[in-house]
């Protein structure tokens, strides 16, 4: 569920939604979600002073509490 959420939100923010890719790495107690966007769209996903990235991480944290797992978001270029 978290993967689809991140993918959907990122596609709505960027100029080139076809370049958005999301990779999920499952661990024992946590999950890492890697978000890749086009190089010109990285700033849009991070936002001024990291506000959009922080908001995405907050939404992920709220969505993942149901499962009792820790989810972290990494934005890669």
Protein backbone atom coordinates (compact mmCIF):
# COMPACT_ATOMS: atom_id res chain seq x y z
CA UNK A 1 0.00 0.00 0.00
CA UNK A 2 2.81 2.42 0.85
CA UNK A 3 4.46 1.88 -2.53
CA UNK A 4 1.33 2.85 -4.43
CA UNK A 5 0.81 5.87 -2.19
CA UNK A 6 4.32 7.24 -2.78
CA UNK A 7 4.13 6.51 -6.50
CA UNK A 8 0.79 8.27 -6.88
CA UNK A 9 1.80 11.39 -4.93
CA UNK A 10 5.14 11.67 -6.74
CA UNK A 11 3.49 11.34 -10.16
CA UNK A 12 1.14 14.19 -9.30
CA UNK A 13 4.02 16.49 -8.30
CA UNK A 14 6.57 15.98 -11.09
CA UNK A 15 6.56 17.16 -14.71
CA UNK A 16 7.51 13.73 -16.09
CA UNK A 17 5.43 11.11 -14.23
CA UNK A 18 6.68 8.29 -16.48
CA UNK A 19 10.16 8.62 -14.90
CA UNK A 20 8.87 7.92 -11.39
CA UNK A 21 9.98 4.56 -10.03
CA UNK A 22 9.47 3.18 -6.53
CA UNK A 23 11.48 0.29 -5.09
CA UNK A 24 10.58 -1.36 -1.79
CA UNK A 25 13.21 -3.05 0.39
CA UNK A 26 11.70 -5.18 3.15
CA UNK A 27 13.59 -5.75 6.38
CA UNK A 28 12.66 -7.59 9.58
CA UNK A 29 11.22 -4.61 11.42
CA UNK A 30 11.33 -1.85 8.84
CA UNK A 31 10.74 -1.08 5.19
CA UNK A 32 12.74 1.29 3.01
CA UNK A 33 11.00 2.91 0.07
CA UNK A 34 13.33 4.27 -2.61
CA UNK A 35 11.83 6.95 -4.84
CA UNK A 36 13.53 7.84 -8.12
CA UNK A 37 12.40 10.70 -10.34
CA UNK A 38 13.91 12.50 -13.31
CA UNK A 39 16.90 14.67 -12.45
CA UNK A 40 14.98 17.87 -13.20
CA UNK A 41 12.13 16.83 -10.87
CA UNK A 42 14.16 16.04 -7.74
CA UNK A 43 13.71 19.57 -6.41
CA UNK A 44 9.95 19.37 -6.84
CA UNK A 45 9.74 16.17 -4.81
CA UNK A 46 11.96 17.55 -2.04
CA UNK A 47 10.35 21.00 -1.99
CA UNK A 48 11.55 24.21 -0.41
CA UNK A 49 13.42 23.45 2.80
CA UNK A 50 12.39 19.79 2.39
CA UNK A 51 8.72 20.47 3.15
CA UNK A 52 7.26 18.10 0.55
CA UNK A 53 9.69 15.30 1.45
CA UNK A 54 8.82 15.78 5.13
CA UNK A 55 5.09 15.68 4.33
CA UNK A 56 5.55 12.45 2.33
CA UNK A 57 7.43 10.87 5.23
CA UNK A 58 4.70 11.95 7.66
CA UNK A 59 1.98 10.40 5.48
CA UNK A 60 4.01 7.18 5.19
CA UNK A 61 4.50 7.06 8.93
CA UNK A 62 0.77 7.43 9.53
CA UNK A 63 -0.08 4.82 6.89
CA UNK A 64 2.41 2.29 8.23
CA UNK A 65 1.35 2.39 11.88
CA UNK A 66 -1.45 -0.06 11.08
CA UNK A 67 1.12 -2.72 10.27
CA UNK A 68 3.36 -1.94 13.23
CA UNK A 69 6.35 -1.45 10.94
CA UNK A 70 8.70 1.47 10.49
CA UNK A 71 8.79 2.88 6.97
CA UNK A 72 11.46 5.27 5.71
CA UNK A 73 11.57 7.15 2.43
CA UNK A 74 14.75 7.74 0.46
CA UNK A 75 14.67 10.11 -2.48
CA UNK A 76 17.33 9.12 -5.02
CA UNK A 77 18.48 11.02 -8.11
